[in-house]
All heavy atoms as atom14 arrays in JSON, in Angstrom:
{
  "sequence": "NGAGETRQTRGKLLGIDHGAKVVGIAVCDATQMLARPLQLMTRS",
  "atom14_mask": [
    [1, 1, 1, 1, 1, 1, 1, 1, 0, 0, 0, 0, 0, 0],
    [1, 1, 1, 1, 0, 0, 0, 0, 0, 0, 0, 0, 0, 0],
    [1, 1, 1, 1, 1, 0, 0, 0, 0, 0, 0, 0, 0, 0],
    [1, 1, 1, 1, 0, 0, 0, 0, 0, 0, 0, 0, 0, 0],
    [1, 1, 1, 1, 1, 1, 1, 1, 1, 0, 0, 0, 0, 0],
    [1, 1, 1, 1, 1, 1, 1, 0, 0, 0, 0, 0, 0, 0],
    [1, 1, 1, 1, 1, 1, 1, 1, 1, 1, 1, 0, 0, 0],
    [1, 1, 1, 1, 1, 1, 1, 1, 1, 0, 0, 0, 0, 0],
    [1, 1, 1, 1, 1, 1, 1, 0, 0, 0, 0, 0, 0, 0],
    [1, 1, 1, 1, 1, 1, 1, 1, 1, 1, 1, 0, 0, 0],
    [1, 1, 1, 1, 0, 0, 0, 0, 0, 0, 0, 0, 0, 0],
    [1, 1, 1, 1, 1, 1, 1, 1, 1, 0, 0, 0, 0, 0],
    [1, 1, 1, 1, 1, 1, 1, 1, 0, 0, 0, 0, 0, 0],
    [1, 1, 1, 1, 1, 1, 1, 1, 0, 0, 0, 0, 0, 0],
    [1, 1, 1, 1, 0, 0, 0, 0, 0, 0, 0, 0, 0, 0],
    [1, 1, 1, 1, 1, 1, 1, 1, 0, 0, 0, 0, 0, 0],
    [1, 1, 1, 1, 1, 1, 1, 1, 0, 0, 0, 0, 0, 0],
    [1, 1, 1, 1, 1, 1, 1, 1, 1, 1, 0, 0, 0, 0],
    [1, 1, 1, 1, 0, 0, 0, 0, 0, 0, 0, 0, 0, 0],
    [1, 1, 1, 1, 1, 0, 0, 0, 0, 0, 0, 0, 0, 0],
    [1, 1, 1, 1, 1, 1, 1, 1, 1, 0, 0, 0, 0, 0],
    [1, 1, 1, 1, 1, 1, 1, 0, 0, 0, 0, 0, 0, 0],
    [1, 1, 1, 1, 1, 1, 1, 0, 0, 0, 0, 0, 0, 0],
    [1, 1, 1, 1, 0, 0, 0, 0, 0, 0, 0, 0, 0, 0],
    [1, 1, 1, 1, 1, 1, 1, 1, 0, 0, 0, 0, 0, 0],
    [1, 1, 1, 1, 1, 0, 0, 0, 0, 0, 0, 0, 0, 0],
    [1, 1, 1, 1, 1, 1, 1, 0, 0, 0, 0, 0, 0, 0],
    [1, 1, 1, 1, 1, 1, 0, 0, 0, 0, 0, 0, 0, 0],
    [1, 1, 1, 1, 1, 1, 1, 1, 0, 0, 0, 0, 0, 0],
    [1, 1, 1, 1, 1, 0, 0, 0, 0, 0, 0, 0, 0, 0],
    [1, 1, 1, 1, 1, 1, 1, 0, 0, 0, 0, 0, 0, 0],
    [1, 1, 1, 1, 1, 1, 1, 1, 1, 0, 0, 0, 0, 0],
    [1, 1, 1, 1, 1, 1, 1, 1, 0, 0, 0, 0, 0, 0],
    [1, 1, 1, 1, 1, 1, 1, 1, 0, 0, 0, 0, 0, 0],
    [1, 1, 1, 1, 1, 0, 0, 0, 0, 0, 0, 0, 0, 0],
    [1, 1, 1, 1, 1, 1, 1, 1, 1, 1, 1, 0, 0, 0],
    [1, 1, 1, 1, 1, 1, 1, 0, 0, 0, 0, 0, 0, 0],
    [1, 1, 1, 1, 1, 1, 1, 1, 0, 0, 0, 0, 0, 0],
    [1, 1, 1, 1, 1, 1, 1, 1, 1, 0, 0, 0, 0, 0],
    [1, 1, 1, 1, 1, 1, 1, 1, 0, 0, 0, 0, 0, 0],
    [1, 1, 1, 1, 1, 1, 1, 1, 0, 0, 0, 0, 0, 0],
    [1, 1, 1, 1, 1, 1, 1, 0, 0, 0, 0, 0, 0, 0],
    [1, 1, 1, 1, 1, 1, 1, 1, 1, 1, 1, 0, 0, 0],
    [1, 1, 1, 1, 1, 1, 0, 0, 0, 0, 0, 0, 0, 0]
  ],
  "atom14_positions": [
    [[9.93, -25.02, 130.98], [10.53, -25.98, 131.89], [11.0, -25.28, 133.15], [10.85, -24.09, 133.31], [11.66, -26.75, 131.2], [12.86, -25.88, 130.86], [13.08, -24.85, 131.48], [13.64, -26.3, 129.9], [0.0, 0.0, 0.0], [0.0, 0.0, 0.0], [0.0, 0.0, 0.0], [0.0, 0.0, 0.0], [0.0, 0.0, 0.0], [0.0, 0.0, 0.0]],
    [[11.59, -25.99, 134.06], [12.0, -25.42, 135.33], [13.05, -24.35, 135.21], [13.2, -23.52, 136.1], [0.0, 0.0, 0.0], [0.0, 0.0, 0.0], [0.0, 0.0, 0.0], [0.0, 0.0, 0.0], [0.0, 0.0, 0.0], [0.0, 0.0, 0.0], [0.0, 0.0, 0.0], [0.0, 0.0, 0.0], [0.0, 0.0, 0.0], [0.0, 0.0, 0.0]],
    [[13.82, -24.32, 134.12], [14.87, -23.32, 133.96], [14.33, -22.01, 133.39], [15.08, -21.09, 133.16], [15.97, -23.86, 133.04], [0.0, 0.0, 0.0], [0.0, 0.0, 0.0], [0.0, 0.0, 0.0], [0.0, 0.0, 0.0], [0.0, 0.0, 0.0], [0.0, 0.0, 0.0], [0.0, 0.0, 0.0], [0.0, 0.0, 0.0], [0.0, 0.0, 0.0]],
    [[13.01, -21.94, 133.14], [12.44, -20.71, 132.6], [12.61, -20.58, 131.11], [12.4, -19.52, 130.55], [0.0, 0.0, 0.0], [0.0, 0.0, 0.0], [0.0, 0.0, 0.0], [0.0, 0.0, 0.0], [0.0, 0.0, 0.0], [0.0, 0.0, 0.0], [0.0, 0.0, 0.0], [0.0, 0.0, 0.0], [0.0, 0.0, 0.0], [0.0, 0.0, 0.0]],
    [[12.97, -21.66, 130.45], [13.16, -21.61, 129.0], [11.91, -22.15, 128.32], [11.14, -22.9, 128.92], [14.38, -22.44, 128.6], [15.66, -21.88, 129.17], [16.86, -22.78, 128.92], [16.68, -23.97, 128.71], [17.97, -22.26, 128.95], [0.0, 0.0, 0.0], [0.0, 0.0, 0.0], [0.0, 0.0, 0.0], [0.0, 0.0, 0.0], [0.0, 0.0, 0.0]],
    [[11.72, -21.77, 127.09], [10.56, -22.23, 126.34], [11.0, -23.11, 125.19], [12.13, -23.01, 124.72], [9.76, -21.04, 125.8], [10.62, -20.21, 125.02], [9.18, -20.22, 126.93], [0.0, 0.0, 0.0], [0.0, 0.0, 0.0], [0.0, 0.0, 0.0], [0.0, 0.0, 0.0], [0.0, 0.0, 0.0], [0.0, 0.0, 0.0], [0.0, 0.0, 0.0]],
    [[10.11, -23.96, 124.75], [10.4, -24.83, 123.61], [10.4, -24.01, 122.33], [9.66, -23.06, 122.2], [9.36, -25.92, 123.49], [9.43, -26.92, 124.58], [8.31, -27.93, 124.37], [8.46, -28.97, 125.34], [8.76, -30.21, 125.03], [8.91, -30.57, 123.79], [8.89, -31.12, 125.96], [0.0, 0.0, 0.0], [0.0, 0.0, 0.0], [0.0, 0.0, 0.0]],
    [[11.19, -24.44, 121.4], [11.22, -23.8, 120.08], [9.96, -24.13, 119.31], [9.46, -25.24, 119.39], [12.39, -24.32, 119.26], [13.71, -23.79, 119.65], [14.75, -24.26, 118.65], [14.47, -24.64, 117.55], [16.0, -24.21, 119.07], [0.0, 0.0, 0.0], [0.0, 0.0, 0.0], [0.0, 0.0, 0.0], [0.0, 0.0, 0.0], [0.0, 0.0, 0.0]],
    [[9.49, -23.19, 118.56], [8.44, -23.41, 117.58], [9.05, -23.11, 116.23], [9.54, -22.0, 116.0], [7.24, -22.49, 117.84], [6.74, -22.74, 119.15], [6.14, -22.72, 116.83], [0.0, 0.0, 0.0], [0.0, 0.0, 0.0], [0.0, 0.0, 0.0], [0.0, 0.0, 0.0], [0.0, 0.0, 0.0], [0.0, 0.0, 0.0], [0.0, 0.0, 0.0]],
    [[9.04, -24.08, 115.34], [9.59, -23.85, 114.01], [8.65, -22.98, 113.2], [7.44, -23.07, 113.34], [9.85, -25.17, 113.29], [11.03, -25.9, 113.85], [12.31, -25.17, 113.52], [13.32, -25.5, 114.52], [14.42, -24.81, 114.7], [14.7, -23.75, 113.98], [15.29, -25.15, 115.61], [0.0, 0.0, 0.0], [0.0, 0.0, 0.0], [0.0, 0.0, 0.0]],
    [[9.23, -22.14, 112.4], [8.48, -21.22, 111.56], [9.25, -19.91, 111.49], [10.32, -19.77, 112.09], [0.0, 0.0, 0.0], [0.0, 0.0, 0.0], [0.0, 0.0, 0.0], [0.0, 0.0, 0.0], [0.0, 0.0, 0.0], [0.0, 0.0, 0.0], [0.0, 0.0, 0.0], [0.0, 0.0, 0.0], [0.0, 0.0, 0.0], [0.0, 0.0, 0.0]],
    [[8.72, -18.98, 110.77], [9.41, -17.7, 110.58], [9.43, -16.88, 111.87], [8.46, -16.85, 112.61], [8.73, -16.89, 109.49], [8.87, -17.47, 108.11], [8.21, -16.56, 107.1], [8.34, -17.12, 105.7], [7.71, -16.21, 104.72], [0.0, 0.0, 0.0], [0.0, 0.0, 0.0], [0.0, 0.0, 0.0], [0.0, 0.0, 0.0], [0.0, 0.0, 0.0]],
    [[10.56, -16.24, 112.09], [10.7, -15.28, 113.18], [10.96, -13.91, 112.57], [11.6, -13.81, 111.52], [11.88, -15.64, 114.08], [11.85, -16.98, 114.8], [13.16, -17.2, 115.55], [10.67, -17.06, 115.75], [0.0, 0.0, 0.0], [0.0, 0.0, 0.0], [0.0, 0.0, 0.0], [0.0, 0.0, 0.0], [0.0, 0.0, 0.0], [0.0, 0.0, 0.0]],
    [[10.48, -12.88, 113.22], [10.84, -11.51, 112.86], [11.96, -11.07, 113.77], [11.98, -11.41, 114.96], [9.64, -10.57, 113.03], [8.43, -10.8, 112.14], [7.32, -9.81, 112.5], [8.79, -10.69, 110.67], [0.0, 0.0, 0.0], [0.0, 0.0, 0.0], [0.0, 0.0, 0.0], [0.0, 0.0, 0.0], [0.0, 0.0, 0.0], [0.0, 0.0, 0.0]],
    [[12.9, -10.31, 113.24], [13.96, -9.71, 114.03], [13.75, -8.21, 114.02], [13.37, -7.63, 113.0], [0.0, 0.0, 0.0], [0.0, 0.0, 0.0], [0.0, 0.0, 0.0], [0.0, 0.0, 0.0], [0.0, 0.0, 0.0], [0.0, 0.0, 0.0], [0.0, 0.0, 0.0], [0.0, 0.0, 0.0], [0.0, 0.0, 0.0], [0.0, 0.0, 0.0]],
    [[13.98, -7.57, 115.17], [13.76, -6.12, 115.28], [14.98, -5.45, 115.86], [15.49, -5.85, 116.91], [12.51, -5.82, 116.13], [11.27, -6.31, 115.4], [12.43, -4.33, 116.46], [9.97, -6.02, 116.08], [0.0, 0.0, 0.0], [0.0, 0.0, 0.0], [0.0, 0.0, 0.0], [0.0, 0.0, 0.0], [0.0, 0.0, 0.0], [0.0, 0.0, 0.0]],
    [[15.44, -4.41, 115.15], [16.47, -3.5, 115.66], [15.73, -2.21, 116.02], [15.37, -1.43, 115.15], [17.55, -3.26, 114.61], [18.65, -2.33, 115.11], [18.98, -2.39, 116.32], [19.17, -1.54, 114.31], [0.0, 0.0, 0.0], [0.0, 0.0, 0.0], [0.0, 0.0, 0.0], [0.0, 0.0, 0.0], [0.0, 0.0, 0.0], [0.0, 0.0, 0.0]],
    [[15.47, -2.03, 117.3], [14.67, -0.9, 117.78], [15.49, 0.39, 117.75], [16.63, 0.41, 118.2], [14.22, -1.18, 119.22], [13.45, -0.07, 119.84], [14.05, 0.99, 120.46], [12.12, 0.14, 119.92], [13.11, 1.81, 120.9], [11.93, 1.31, 120.59], [0.0, 0.0, 0.0], [0.0, 0.0, 0.0], [0.0, 0.0, 0.0], [0.0, 0.0, 0.0]],
    [[14.9, 1.43, 117.22], [15.52, 2.74, 117.23], [14.5, 3.81, 117.6], [13.3, 3.57, 117.51], [0.0, 0.0, 0.0], [0.0, 0.0, 0.0], [0.0, 0.0, 0.0], [0.0, 0.0, 0.0], [0.0, 0.0, 0.0], [0.0, 0.0, 0.0], [0.0, 0.0, 0.0], [0.0, 0.0, 0.0], [0.0, 0.0, 0.0], [0.0, 0.0, 0.0]],
    [[14.99, 4.97, 118.0], [14.1, 6.05, 118.4], [13.28, 6.59, 117.24], [12.13, 7.0, 117.41], [14.92, 7.18, 119.03], [0.0, 0.0, 0.0], [0.0, 0.0, 0.0], [0.0, 0.0, 0.0], [0.0, 0.0, 0.0], [0.0, 0.0, 0.0], [0.0, 0.0, 0.0], [0.0, 0.0, 0.0], [0.0, 0.0, 0.0], [0.0, 0.0, 0.0]],
    [[13.85, 6.55, 116.04], [13.15, 7.08, 114.87], [12.82, 6.02, 113.83], [11.83, 6.13, 113.11], [13.98, 8.18, 114.22], [14.16, 9.39, 115.1], [14.98, 10.45, 114.43], [15.17, 11.62, 115.38], [16.0, 12.65, 114.84], [0.0, 0.0, 0.0], [0.0, 0.0, 0.0], [0.0, 0.0, 0.0], [0.0, 0.0, 0.0], [0.0, 0.0, 0.0]],
    [[13.67, 5.02, 113.72], [13.5, 3.98, 112.71], [13.7, 2.62, 113.36], [14.6, 2.43, 114.19], [14.51, 4.16, 111.54], [14.43, 3.0, 110.56], [14.29, 5.48, 110.84], [0.0, 0.0, 0.0], [0.0, 0.0, 0.0], [0.0, 0.0, 0.0], [0.0, 0.0, 0.0], [0.0, 0.0, 0.0], [0.0, 0.0, 0.0], [0.0, 0.0, 0.0]],
    [[12.84, 1.67, 112.96], [12.95, 0.3, 113.44], [13.32, -0.56, 112.23], [12.64, -0.52, 111.2], [11.62, -0.19, 114.05], [11.67, -1.67, 114.37], [11.28, 0.63, 115.3], [0.0, 0.0, 0.0], [0.0, 0.0, 0.0], [0.0, 0.0, 0.0], [0.0, 0.0, 0.0], [0.0, 0.0, 0.0], [0.0, 0.0, 0.0], [0.0, 0.0, 0.0]],
    [[14.4, -1.31, 112.35], [14.78, -2.25, 111.31], [14.1, -3.57, 111.56], [14.02, -4.03, 112.71], [0.0, 0.0, 0.0], [0.0, 0.0, 0.0], [0.0, 0.0, 0.0], [0.0, 0.0, 0.0], [0.0, 0.0, 0.0], [0.0, 0.0, 0.0], [0.0, 0.0, 0.0], [0.0, 0.0, 0.0], [0.0, 0.0, 0.0], [0.0, 0.0, 0.0]],
    [[13.58, -4.18, 110.49], [12.88, -5.44, 110.63], [13.47, -6.46, 109.66], [13.73, -6.15, 108.5], [11.37, -5.27, 110.38], [10.81, -4.21, 111.36], [10.63, -6.6, 110.53], [9.38, -3.83, 111.13], [0.0, 0.0, 0.0], [0.0, 0.0, 0.0], [0.0, 0.0, 0.0], [0.0, 0.0, 0.0], [0.0, 0.0, 0.0], [0.0, 0.0, 0.0]],
    [[13.66, -7.67, 110.18], [14.19, -8.78, 109.39], [13.26, -9.97, 109.56], [12.39, -9.97, 110.44], [15.6, -9.14, 109.85], [0.0, 0.0, 0.0], [0.0, 0.0, 0.0], [0.0, 0.0, 0.0], [0.0, 0.0, 0.0], [0.0, 0.0, 0.0], [0.0, 0.0, 0.0], [0.0, 0.0, 0.0], [0.0, 0.0, 0.0], [0.0, 0.0, 0.0]],
    [[13.44, -10.97, 108.73], [12.66, -12.2, 108.81], [13.59, -13.37, 108.47], [14.57, -13.2, 107.75], [11.44, -12.16, 107.85], [11.87, -12.14, 106.41], [10.46, -13.28, 108.14], [0.0, 0.0, 0.0], [0.0, 0.0, 0.0], [0.0, 0.0, 0.0], [0.0, 0.0, 0.0], [0.0, 0.0, 0.0], [0.0, 0.0, 0.0], [0.0, 0.0, 0.0]],
    [[13.26, -14.53, 109.01], [14.02, -15.73, 108.64], [13.08, -16.69, 107.91], [11.86, -16.52, 107.92], [14.65, -16.41, 109.86], [13.48, -17.21, 110.97], [0.0, 0.0, 0.0], [0.0, 0.0, 0.0], [0.0, 0.0, 0.0], [0.0, 0.0, 0.0], [0.0, 0.0, 0.0], [0.0, 0.0, 0.0], [0.0, 0.0, 0.0], [0.0, 0.0, 0.0]],
    [[13.67, -17.69, 107.29], [12.9, -18.72, 106.62], [12.22, -19.61, 107.67], [12.56, -19.56, 108.85], [13.8, -19.54, 105.69], [14.87, -20.27, 106.47], [15.74, -19.6, 107.08], [14.83, -21.51, 106.5], [0.0, 0.0, 0.0], [0.0, 0.0, 0.0], [0.0, 0.0, 0.0], [0.0, 0.0, 0.0], [0.0, 0.0, 0.0], [0.0, 0.0, 0.0]],
    [[11.26, -20.41, 107.24], [10.48, -21.24, 108.15], [11.32, -22.3, 108.86], [10.94, -22.77, 109.93], [9.32, -21.89, 107.41], [0.0, 0.0, 0.0], [0.0, 0.0, 0.0], [0.0, 0.0, 0.0], [0.0, 0.0, 0.0], [0.0, 0.0, 0.0], [0.0, 0.0, 0.0], [0.0, 0.0, 0.0], [0.0, 0.0, 0.0], [0.0, 0.0, 0.0]],
    [[12.47, -22.67, 108.3], [13.35, -23.64, 108.96], [14.28, -22.97, 109.97], [15.04, -23.66, 110.64], [14.19, -24.42, 107.93], [15.06, -23.51, 107.26], [13.31, -25.17, 106.95], [0.0, 0.0, 0.0], [0.0, 0.0, 0.0], [0.0, 0.0, 0.0], [0.0, 0.0, 0.0], [0.0, 0.0, 0.0], [0.0, 0.0, 0.0], [0.0, 0.0, 0.0]],
    [[14.22, -21.66, 110.04], [15.03, -20.86, 110.96], [16.53, -21.06, 110.76], [17.31, -21.15, 111.7], [14.63, -21.14, 112.42], [13.2, -20.75, 112.71], [12.8, -20.94, 114.15], [13.57, -21.39, 114.98], [11.57, -20.59, 114.46], [0.0, 0.0, 0.0], [0.0, 0.0, 0.0], [0.0, 0.0, 0.0], [0.0, 0.0, 0.0], [0.0, 0.0, 0.0]],
    [[16.9, -21.08, 109.47], [18.31, -21.22, 109.13], [18.95, -19.9, 108.71], [20.11, -19.67, 108.99], [18.49, -22.25, 108.0], [18.02, -23.64, 108.36], [18.9, -24.36, 109.74], [20.43, -24.78, 108.97], [0.0, 0.0, 0.0], [0.0, 0.0, 0.0], [0.0, 0.0, 0.0], [0.0, 0.0, 0.0], [0.0, 0.0, 0.0], [0.0, 0.0, 0.0]],
    [[18.18, -19.05, 108.01], [18.77, -17.87, 107.4], [17.88, -16.64, 107.59], [16.71, -16.67, 107.2], [19.0, -18.13, 105.91], [19.75, -17.04, 105.14], [21.15, -16.85, 105.7], [19.81, -17.39, 103.67], [0.0, 0.0, 0.0], [0.0, 0.0, 0.0], [0.0, 0.0, 0.0], [0.0, 0.0, 0.0], [0.0, 0.0, 0.0], [0.0, 0.0, 0.0]],
    [[18.46, -15.59, 108.13], [17.75, -14.32, 108.32], [18.11, -13.38, 107.17], [19.21, -13.42, 106.64], [18.15, -13.69, 109.65], [0.0, 0.0, 0.0], [0.0, 0.0, 0.0], [0.0, 0.0, 0.0], [0.0, 0.0, 0.0], [0.0, 0.0, 0.0], [0.0, 0.0, 0.0], [0.0, 0.0, 0.0], [0.0, 0.0, 0.0], [0.0, 0.0, 0.0]],
    [[17.15, -12.51, 106.82], [17.39, -11.51, 105.79], [16.67, -10.22, 106.16], [15.65, -10.26, 106.85], [16.92, -12.01, 104.43], [15.42, -12.2, 104.33], [14.96, -12.54, 102.92], [13.55, -12.86, 102.87], [12.57, -11.95, 102.83], [12.86, -10.67, 102.81], [11.3, -12.33, 102.78], [0.0, 0.0, 0.0], [0.0, 0.0, 0.0], [0.0, 0.0, 0.0]],
    [[17.19, -9.08, 105.71], [16.5, -7.81, 105.96], [15.12, -7.84, 105.3], [14.95, -8.41, 104.23], [17.39, -6.78, 105.28], [18.71, -7.44, 105.09], [18.43, -8.91, 104.96], [0.0, 0.0, 0.0], [0.0, 0.0, 0.0], [0.0, 0.0, 0.0], [0.0, 0.0, 0.0], [0.0, 0.0, 0.0], [0.0, 0.0, 0.0], [0.0, 0.0, 0.0]],
    [[14.14, -7.22, 105.96], [12.79, -7.18, 105.41], [12.37, -5.75, 105.07], [12.01, -5.46, 103.94], [11.78, -7.79, 106.39], [10.34, -7.88, 105.92], [10.21, -8.76, 104.68], [9.46, -8.43, 107.05], [0.0, 0.0, 0.0], [0.0, 0.0, 0.0], [0.0, 0.0, 0.0], [0.0, 0.0, 0.0], [0.0, 0.0, 0.0], [0.0, 0.0, 0.0]],
    [[12.45, -4.85, 106.06], [12.05, -3.48, 105.79], [12.46, -2.55, 106.93], [12.85, -2.99, 108.0], [10.53, -3.38, 105.59], [9.71, -3.53, 106.86], [8.22, -3.38, 106.58], [7.67, -4.1, 105.77], [7.59, -2.43, 107.26], [0.0, 0.0, 0.0], [0.0, 0.0, 0.0], [0.0, 0.0, 0.0], [0.0, 0.0, 0.0], [0.0, 0.0, 0.0]],
    [[12.36, -1.26, 106.63], [12.54, -0.22, 107.62], [11.17, 0.33, 107.98], [10.33, 0.5, 107.1], [13.4, 0.93, 107.07], [14.83, 0.57, 106.71], [15.5, 1.72, 105.96], [15.63, 0.21, 107.96], [0.0, 0.0, 0.0], [0.0, 0.0, 0.0], [0.0, 0.0, 0.0], [0.0, 0.0, 0.0], [0.0, 0.0, 0.0], [0.0, 0.0, 0.0]],
    [[10.94, 0.58, 109.25], [9.69, 1.16, 109.7], [10.0, 2.48, 110.39], [10.71, 2.5, 111.4], [8.98, 0.22, 110.68], [7.68, 0.79, 111.25], [6.88, -0.34, 112.43], [7.88, -0.08, 113.91], [0.0, 0.0, 0.0], [0.0, 0.0, 0.0], [0.0, 0.0, 0.0], [0.0, 0.0, 0.0], [0.0, 0.0, 0.0], [0.0, 0.0, 0.0]],
    [[9.5, 3.57, 109.84], [9.66, 4.87, 110.49], [8.69, 4.93, 111.65], [7.5, 4.67, 111.48], [9.39, 6.02, 109.5], [10.31, 5.89, 108.41], [9.6, 7.37, 110.16], [0.0, 0.0, 0.0], [0.0, 0.0, 0.0], [0.0, 0.0, 0.0], [0.0, 0.0, 0.0], [0.0, 0.0, 0.0], [0.0, 0.0, 0.0], [0.0, 0.0, 0.0]],
    [[9.21, 5.23, 112.84], [8.38, 5.27, 114.03], [7.3, 6.32, 113.9], [7.5, 7.39, 113.35], [9.24, 5.58, 115.27], [10.31, 4.56, 115.59], [9.83, 3.32, 116.3], [9.06, 3.59, 117.48], [9.56, 3.72, 118.71], [10.84, 3.6, 118.92], [8.77, 3.95, 119.73], [0.0, 0.0, 0.0], [0.0, 0.0, 0.0], [0.0, 0.0, 0.0]],
    [[6.14, 6.01, 114.44], [5.0, 6.92, 114.44], [4.45, 6.92, 115.86], [5.18, 7.23, 116.79], [3.96, 6.41, 113.42], [2.82, 7.23, 113.41], [0.0, 0.0, 0.0], [0.0, 0.0, 0.0], [0.0, 0.0, 0.0], [0.0, 0.0, 0.0], [0.0, 0.0, 0.0], [0.0, 0.0, 0.0], [0.0, 0.0, 0.0], [0.0, 0.0, 0.0]]
  ]
}
C-alpha cells in the first residue's frame, strides 16, 4: 500500500537470531499465534 507496508500472509514464519558463529532459528504455527525454538545453525 502507499505506506510501504505489505499484507499479511498466514502460514508459518521462521525467526532468525543472527550471530557471527551461530544462528538461532525459530518457527511459529500456521496461525501465527505461537513461536517456538527450532534449531541452532553453526555458520559456514
